[in-house]
C-alpha cells in the first residue's frame, strides 16, 4: 500500500492535464512495484478529480488543516497488466 501525500498543481496551470498526468504516472509506478492500493486524503473539492482515475471514497468527511477532506483509495488490480 502507498499513500499519496500533498499532491498539488499550481493554480495557474490547473485544468491543463498536468495533475492527470502526474497521477497516472504515480499509479503506473505503484503498479509496476506490485503495490495493491494507493490511498490519499483528498480535499472535498478534488474528490471528482480522483474519482475519474478510479479512486473511491470511504469513511466520513473529516477536517484537515481547516479544510473538509475525504479518505480515498484505489485498488491497483486493473493496472498490474499495464506495467
C-alpha atoms as a PDB file:
ATOM      1  CA  UNK A   1       0.000   0.000   0.000  1.00  0.00           C
ATOM      2  CA  UNK A   2       1.177   3.514  -0.777  1.00  0.00           C
ATOM      3  CA  UNK A   3      -0.149   6.850   0.405  1.00  0.00           C
ATOM      4  CA  UNK A   4      -0.211   9.869  -1.874  1.00  0.00           C
ATOM      5  CA  UNK A   5       0.542  12.938   0.233  1.00  0.00           C
ATOM      6  CA  UNK A   6       0.246  16.631  -0.633  1.00  0.00           C
ATOM      7  CA  UNK A   7      -0.275  16.359  -4.392  1.00  0.00           C
ATOM      8  CA  UNK A   8      -0.939  19.788  -5.866  1.00  0.00           C
ATOM      9  CA  UNK A   9      -0.664  21.623  -9.157  1.00  0.00           C
ATOM     10  CA  UNK A  10      -0.022  25.353  -9.323  1.00  0.00           C
ATOM     11  CA  UNK A  11      -3.366  27.150  -9.820  1.00  0.00           C
ATOM     12  CA  UNK A  12      -2.003  28.885 -12.925  1.00  0.00           C
ATOM     13  CA  UNK A  13      -1.723  25.549 -14.759  1.00  0.00           C
ATOM     14  CA  UNK A  14      -4.679  23.660 -13.277  1.00  0.00           C
ATOM     15  CA  UNK A  15      -7.168  22.286 -15.790  1.00  0.00           C
ATOM     16  CA  UNK A  16      -4.494  21.604 -18.426  1.00  0.00           C
ATOM     17  CA  UNK A  17      -3.929  17.898 -17.725  1.00  0.00           C
ATOM     18  CA  UNK A  18      -0.850  18.231 -15.515  1.00  0.00           C
ATOM     19  CA  UNK A  19      -2.479  16.674 -12.447  1.00  0.00           C
ATOM     20  CA  UNK A  20      -3.964  13.864 -14.522  1.00  0.00           C
ATOM     21  CA  UNK A  21      -0.541  13.083 -15.996  1.00  0.00           C
ATOM     22  CA  UNK A  22       1.146  13.148 -12.578  1.00  0.00           C
ATOM     23  CA  UNK A  23      -1.493  10.885 -11.055  1.00  0.00           C
ATOM     24  CA  UNK A  24      -1.305   8.438 -13.974  1.00  0.00           C
ATOM     25  CA  UNK A  25       2.468   8.162 -13.504  1.00  0.00           C
ATOM     26  CA  UNK A  26       2.105   7.617  -9.747  1.00  0.00           C
ATOM     27  CA  UNK A  27      -0.390   4.806 -10.467  1.00  0.00           C
ATOM     28  CA  UNK A  28       1.915   3.197 -13.045  1.00  0.00           C
ATOM     29  CA  UNK A  29       4.886   3.483 -10.681  1.00  0.00           C
ATOM     30  CA  UNK A  30       2.973   1.810  -7.826  1.00  0.00           C
ATOM     31  CA  UNK A  31       1.554  -0.933 -10.066  1.00  0.00           C
ATOM     32  CA  UNK A  32       4.992  -1.716 -11.501  1.00  0.00           C
ATOM     33  CA  UNK A  33       6.175  -2.329  -7.939  1.00  0.00           C
ATOM     34  CA  UNK A  34       3.221  -4.664  -7.383  1.00  0.00           C
ATOM     35  CA  UNK A  35       1.619  -2.490  -4.720  1.00  0.00           C
ATOM     36  CA  UNK A  36      -2.022  -3.370  -4.137  1.00  0.00           C
ATOM     37  CA  UNK A  37      -3.520   0.010  -3.259  1.00  0.00           C
ATOM     38  CA  UNK A  38      -2.958   3.760  -3.166  1.00  0.00           C
ATOM     39  CA  UNK A  39      -4.675   5.889  -0.534  1.00  0.00           C
ATOM     40  CA  UNK A  40      -4.957   9.629  -0.114  1.00  0.00           C
ATOM     41  CA  UNK A  41      -6.704  12.365   1.843  1.00  0.00           C
ATOM     42  CA  UNK A  42      -8.472  14.394  -0.827  1.00  0.00           C
ATOM     43  CA  UNK A  43      -9.769  17.873  -0.295  1.00  0.00           C
ATOM     44  CA  UNK A  44     -13.533  17.702  -0.743  1.00  0.00           C
ATOM     45  CA  UNK A  45     -13.449  19.805  -3.920  1.00  0.00           C
ATOM     46  CA  UNK A  46     -10.852  17.450  -5.516  1.00  0.00           C
ATOM     47  CA  UNK A  47     -12.787  14.197  -4.938  1.00  0.00           C
ATOM     48  CA  UNK A  48     -14.140  14.161  -8.513  1.00  0.00           C
ATOM     49  CA  UNK A  49     -10.594  14.528  -9.901  1.00  0.00           C
ATOM     50  CA  UNK A  50      -9.522  11.319  -8.137  1.00  0.00           C
ATOM     51  CA  UNK A  51     -12.775   9.504  -8.948  1.00  0.00           C
ATOM     52  CA  UNK A  52     -12.070   9.987 -12.656  1.00  0.00           C
ATOM     53  CA  UNK A  53      -8.949   7.843 -12.159  1.00  0.00           C
ATOM     54  CA  UNK A  54     -10.802   5.126 -10.284  1.00  0.00           C
ATOM     55  CA  UNK A  55     -10.371   6.190  -6.662  1.00  0.00           C
ATOM     56  CA  UNK A  56     -13.327   5.661  -4.335  1.00  0.00           C
ATOM     57  CA  UNK A  57     -14.182   7.428  -1.096  1.00  0.00           C
ATOM     58  CA  UNK A  58     -14.502   5.603   2.200  1.00  0.00           C
ATOM     59  CA  UNK A  59     -15.205   6.678   5.738  1.00  0.00           C
ATOM     60  CA  UNK A  60     -16.630  10.015   6.768  1.00  0.00           C
ATOM     61  CA  UNK A  61     -15.679  13.542   5.778  1.00  0.00           C
ATOM     62  CA  UNK A  62     -13.053  14.950   8.132  1.00  0.00           C
ATOM     63  CA  UNK A  63     -11.301  18.275   8.596  1.00  0.00           C
ATOM     64  CA  UNK A  64      -7.576  18.617   7.994  1.00  0.00           C
ATOM     65  CA  UNK A  65      -5.810  21.994   8.127  1.00  0.00           C
ATOM     66  CA  UNK A  66      -9.250  23.590   8.417  1.00  0.00           C
ATOM     67  CA  UNK A  67     -10.459  22.105   5.087  1.00  0.00           C
ATOM     68  CA  UNK A  68     -13.032  19.305   4.545  1.00  0.00           C
ATOM     69  CA  UNK A  69     -11.350  16.140   3.239  1.00  0.00           C
ATOM     70  CA  UNK A  70     -12.354  12.602   2.227  1.00  0.00           C
ATOM     71  CA  UNK A  71     -10.410   9.385   2.574  1.00  0.00           C
ATOM     72  CA  UNK A  72      -9.897   7.816  -0.859  1.00  0.00           C
ATOM     73  CA  UNK A  73      -8.322   4.642  -2.183  1.00  0.00           C
ATOM     74  CA  UNK A  74      -7.527   2.981  -5.479  1.00  0.00           C
ATOM     75  CA  UNK A  75      -7.142  -0.785  -5.874  1.00  0.00           C
ATOM     76  CA  UNK A  76      -4.336  -1.433  -8.341  1.00  0.00           C
ATOM     77  CA  UNK A  77      -5.590  -4.799  -9.668  1.00  0.00           C
ATOM     78  CA  UNK A  78      -6.506  -3.452 -13.104  1.00  0.00           C
ATOM     79  CA  UNK A  79      -3.162  -1.691 -13.600  1.00  0.00           C
ATOM     80  CA  UNK A  80      -0.962  -4.703 -12.908  1.00  0.00           C
ATOM     81  CA  UNK A  81      -1.198  -5.790 -16.570  1.00  0.00           C
ATOM     82  CA  UNK A  82      -0.072  -2.320 -17.760  1.00  0.00           C
ATOM     83  CA  UNK A  83       3.473  -2.487 -16.318  1.00  0.00           C
END
